[in-house]
């Protein structure tokens, strides 16, 4: 099929720059991509018939890792150190 209609996992490494050139990087396009990713995640892990705590726990674990990454420089400066 056409390159613009393929998903990221179906694109070969050599075709990646051309595929990225077909993407919409405007604020509206990025918002639409984020909305589509959230909808896909929600329907795959949270809104299922036999769901468990896996979807919510993955979301919370991701938030914890992201939060730690954002605050790493601040946390690193306040570690206990031996001064000698």
N, C-alpha and C. Protein backbone atom coordinates (compact mmCIF):
# COMPACT_ATOMS: atom_id res chain seq x y z
N UNK A 1 0.81 -1.19 0.00
CA UNK A 1 0.00 0.00 0.00
C UNK A 1 0.85 1.25 0.00
N UNK A 2 0.20 2.39 -0.03
CA UNK A 2 0.95 3.64 -0.01
C UNK A 2 1.67 3.82 1.32
N UNK A 3 2.79 4.50 1.27
CA UNK A 3 3.62 4.67 2.45
C UNK A 3 2.91 5.47 3.54
N UNK A 4 2.10 6.44 3.17
CA UNK A 4 1.42 7.26 4.18
C UNK A 4 0.33 6.50 4.91
N UNK A 5 -0.16 5.41 4.34
CA UNK A 5 -1.22 4.64 4.98
C UNK A 5 -0.71 3.54 5.91
N UNK A 6 0.59 3.33 5.94
CA UNK A 6 1.14 2.26 6.77
C UNK A 6 1.31 2.72 8.22
N UNK A 7 1.31 1.73 9.12
CA UNK A 7 1.59 2.01 10.53
C UNK A 7 3.09 1.99 10.74
N UNK A 8 3.55 2.51 11.85
CA UNK A 8 4.99 2.60 12.12
C UNK A 8 5.65 1.22 12.14
N UNK A 9 4.97 0.24 12.70
CA UNK A 9 5.56 -1.10 12.79
C UNK A 9 5.64 -1.80 11.44
N UNK A 10 4.94 -1.29 10.42
CA UNK A 10 4.98 -1.89 9.09
C UNK A 10 5.97 -1.21 8.16
N UNK A 11 6.62 -0.15 8.63
CA UNK A 11 7.56 0.61 7.80
C UNK A 11 8.95 0.03 7.98
N UNK A 12 9.66 -0.17 6.88
CA UNK A 12 11.04 -0.66 6.95
C UNK A 12 11.97 0.48 7.33
N UNK A 13 13.14 0.13 7.83
CA UNK A 13 14.07 1.14 8.32
C UNK A 13 14.50 2.11 7.23
N UNK A 14 14.70 1.63 6.02
CA UNK A 14 15.09 2.50 4.91
C UNK A 14 13.98 3.46 4.48
N UNK A 15 12.73 3.09 4.75
CA UNK A 15 11.58 3.92 4.37
C UNK A 15 11.19 4.91 5.46
N UNK A 16 11.85 4.84 6.62
CA UNK A 16 11.46 5.65 7.76
C UNK A 16 11.52 7.16 7.49
N UNK A 17 12.60 7.71 6.88
CA UNK A 17 12.58 9.16 6.63
C UNK A 17 11.44 9.61 5.71
N UNK A 18 11.15 8.82 4.68
CA UNK A 18 10.04 9.17 3.79
C UNK A 18 8.71 9.07 4.51
N UNK A 19 8.57 8.07 5.38
CA UNK A 19 7.33 7.92 6.15
C UNK A 19 7.15 9.08 7.11
N UNK A 20 8.23 9.50 7.78
CA UNK A 20 8.15 10.64 8.70
C UNK A 20 7.79 11.93 7.97
N UNK A 21 8.22 12.05 6.71
CA UNK A 21 7.89 13.24 5.93
C UNK A 21 6.40 13.31 5.61
N UNK A 22 5.70 12.18 5.63
CA UNK A 22 4.27 12.19 5.33
C UNK A 22 3.42 12.46 6.56
N UNK A 23 4.02 12.45 7.75
CA UNK A 23 3.26 12.66 8.99
C UNK A 23 2.93 14.14 9.18
N UNK A 24 1.88 14.41 9.92
CA UNK A 24 1.43 15.77 10.21
C UNK A 24 1.97 16.17 11.58
N UNK A 25 2.92 17.10 11.61
CA UNK A 25 3.53 17.54 12.86
C UNK A 25 2.98 18.88 13.34
N UNK A 26 1.82 19.27 12.87
CA UNK A 26 1.17 20.47 13.37
C UNK A 26 0.60 20.17 14.75
N UNK A 27 0.26 21.19 15.53
CA UNK A 27 -0.34 20.92 16.85
C UNK A 27 -1.60 20.07 16.77
N UNK A 28 -2.41 20.31 15.76
CA UNK A 28 -3.63 19.52 15.60
C UNK A 28 -3.30 18.05 15.27
N UNK A 29 -2.29 17.84 14.42
CA UNK A 29 -1.88 16.49 14.08
C UNK A 29 -1.28 15.75 15.26
N UNK A 30 -0.47 16.44 16.07
CA UNK A 30 0.11 15.81 17.26
C UNK A 30 -0.97 15.49 18.29
N UNK A 31 -1.94 16.39 18.44
CA UNK A 31 -3.04 16.13 19.36
C UNK A 31 -3.87 14.94 18.89
N UNK A 32 -4.10 14.85 17.60
CA UNK A 32 -4.84 13.71 17.06
C UNK A 32 -4.08 12.40 17.25
N UNK A 33 -2.76 12.44 17.09
CA UNK A 33 -1.97 11.24 17.32
C UNK A 33 -1.99 10.81 18.77
N UNK A 34 -1.91 11.78 19.69
CA UNK A 34 -1.97 11.46 21.12
C UNK A 34 -3.35 10.89 21.48
N UNK A 35 -4.40 11.47 20.90
CA UNK A 35 -5.75 10.98 21.16
C UNK A 35 -5.93 9.55 20.64
N UNK A 36 -5.37 9.27 19.46
CA UNK A 36 -5.47 7.93 18.89
C UNK A 36 -4.68 6.93 19.72
N UNK A 37 -3.50 7.32 20.21
CA UNK A 37 -2.70 6.43 21.05
C UNK A 37 -3.41 6.14 22.36
N UNK A 38 -4.01 7.17 22.97
CA UNK A 38 -4.73 6.95 24.23
C UNK A 38 -5.94 6.04 24.01
N UNK A 39 -6.66 6.25 22.93
CA UNK A 39 -7.83 5.43 22.64
C UNK A 39 -7.42 3.98 22.43
N UNK A 40 -6.32 3.77 21.72
CA UNK A 40 -5.83 2.42 21.49
C UNK A 40 -5.42 1.76 22.80
N UNK A 41 -4.70 2.48 23.65
CA UNK A 41 -4.28 1.95 24.95
C UNK A 41 -5.50 1.64 25.82
N UNK A 42 -6.46 2.54 25.84
CA UNK A 42 -7.64 2.38 26.67
C UNK A 42 -8.43 1.14 26.26
N UNK A 43 -8.63 0.97 24.96
CA UNK A 43 -9.43 -0.17 24.50
C UNK A 43 -8.66 -1.49 24.62
N UNK A 44 -7.33 -1.44 24.61
CA UNK A 44 -6.56 -2.68 24.70
C UNK A 44 -6.37 -3.15 26.14
N UNK A 45 -6.17 -2.22 27.08
CA UNK A 45 -5.80 -2.62 28.43
C UNK A 45 -6.84 -2.30 29.51
N UNK A 46 -7.64 -1.29 29.34
CA UNK A 46 -8.53 -0.86 30.42
C UNK A 46 -9.98 -1.26 30.15
N UNK A 47 -10.49 -1.00 28.98
CA UNK A 47 -11.89 -1.26 28.66
C UNK A 47 -12.03 -2.64 28.03
N UNK A 48 -11.80 -3.68 28.82
CA UNK A 48 -11.90 -5.05 28.32
C UNK A 48 -12.90 -5.82 29.19
N UNK A 49 -13.42 -6.93 28.67
CA UNK A 49 -14.40 -7.71 29.42
C UNK A 49 -13.79 -8.36 30.65
N UNK A 50 -12.63 -8.96 30.49
CA UNK A 50 -11.97 -9.64 31.61
C UNK A 50 -10.71 -8.87 31.98
N UNK A 51 -10.86 -7.67 32.36
CA UNK A 51 -9.71 -6.85 32.70
C UNK A 51 -9.28 -7.05 34.13
N UNK A 52 -8.10 -6.67 34.39
CA UNK A 52 -7.56 -6.71 35.74
C UNK A 52 -6.87 -5.39 36.03
N UNK A 53 -6.05 -5.38 37.03
CA UNK A 53 -5.36 -4.14 37.39
C UNK A 53 -4.15 -3.85 36.50
N UNK A 54 -3.90 -4.66 35.48
CA UNK A 54 -2.69 -4.49 34.67
C UNK A 54 -2.65 -3.15 33.94
N UNK A 55 -3.76 -2.74 33.34
CA UNK A 55 -3.76 -1.49 32.58
C UNK A 55 -3.51 -0.28 33.44
N UNK A 56 -4.18 -0.21 34.59
CA UNK A 56 -4.00 0.92 35.49
C UNK A 56 -2.60 0.90 36.10
N UNK A 57 -2.10 -0.28 36.46
CA UNK A 57 -0.78 -0.36 37.07
C UNK A 57 0.31 0.03 36.07
N UNK A 58 0.16 -0.33 34.78
CA UNK A 58 1.13 0.10 33.77
C UNK A 58 1.10 1.62 33.62
N UNK A 59 -0.08 2.20 33.66
CA UNK A 59 -0.20 3.64 33.55
C UNK A 59 0.46 4.34 34.74
N UNK A 60 0.24 3.83 35.94
CA UNK A 60 0.87 4.42 37.13
C UNK A 60 2.38 4.22 37.14
N UNK A 61 2.85 3.06 36.71
CA UNK A 61 4.29 2.82 36.64
C UNK A 61 4.94 3.75 35.61
N UNK A 62 4.29 3.96 34.50
CA UNK A 62 4.80 4.89 33.50
C UNK A 62 4.86 6.31 34.03
N UNK A 63 3.83 6.70 34.78
CA UNK A 63 3.83 8.04 35.38
C UNK A 63 4.96 8.19 36.39
N UNK A 64 5.21 7.15 37.20
CA UNK A 64 6.29 7.21 38.19
C UNK A 64 7.65 7.34 37.50
N UNK A 65 7.87 6.56 36.45
CA UNK A 65 9.14 6.64 35.73
C UNK A 65 9.31 8.00 35.06
N UNK A 66 8.26 8.51 34.47
CA UNK A 66 8.33 9.82 33.82
C UNK A 66 8.57 10.92 34.83
N UNK A 67 7.91 10.85 35.96
CA UNK A 67 8.10 11.85 37.01
C UNK A 67 9.51 11.81 37.57
N UNK A 68 10.05 10.61 37.78
CA UNK A 68 11.42 10.48 38.26
C UNK A 68 12.40 11.04 37.24
N UNK A 69 12.15 10.77 35.96
CA UNK A 69 13.02 11.30 34.92
C UNK A 69 13.02 12.82 34.88
N UNK A 70 11.85 13.42 35.06
CA UNK A 70 11.76 14.87 35.06
C UNK A 70 12.48 15.49 36.25
N UNK A 71 12.42 14.83 37.41
CA UNK A 71 12.98 15.39 38.64
C UNK A 71 14.35 14.85 38.97
N UNK A 72 15.00 14.11 38.08
CA UNK A 72 16.26 13.47 38.41
C UNK A 72 17.34 14.47 38.78
N UNK A 73 17.47 15.55 38.02
CA UNK A 73 18.51 16.53 38.33
C UNK A 73 18.30 17.14 39.71
N UNK A 74 17.06 17.39 40.08
CA UNK A 74 16.76 17.96 41.40
C UNK A 74 17.04 16.94 42.50
N UNK A 75 16.68 15.69 42.27
CA UNK A 75 16.91 14.63 43.26
C UNK A 75 18.40 14.36 43.42
N UNK A 76 19.12 14.39 42.30
CA UNK A 76 20.55 14.08 42.32
C UNK A 76 21.33 15.07 43.18
N UNK A 77 20.90 16.32 43.21
CA UNK A 77 21.61 17.34 43.98
C UNK A 77 21.38 17.21 45.48
N UNK A 78 20.32 16.53 45.89
CA UNK A 78 19.99 16.45 47.31
C UNK A 78 20.27 15.09 47.92
N UNK A 79 21.11 14.28 47.28
CA UNK A 79 21.49 13.00 47.88
C UNK A 79 22.45 13.23 49.03
N UNK A 80 22.40 12.31 49.96
CA UNK A 80 23.35 12.40 51.07
C UNK A 80 24.73 12.01 50.56
N UNK A 81 25.70 12.83 50.91
CA UNK A 81 27.07 12.56 50.51
C UNK A 81 27.97 12.64 51.71
N UNK A 82 29.03 11.88 51.69
CA UNK A 82 30.03 11.99 52.75
C UNK A 82 31.03 13.08 52.34
N UNK A 83 31.19 14.04 53.18
CA UNK A 83 32.15 15.10 52.91
C UNK A 83 33.39 14.81 53.74
N UNK A 84 34.49 14.50 53.11
CA UNK A 84 35.74 14.25 53.82
C UNK A 84 36.93 14.49 52.97
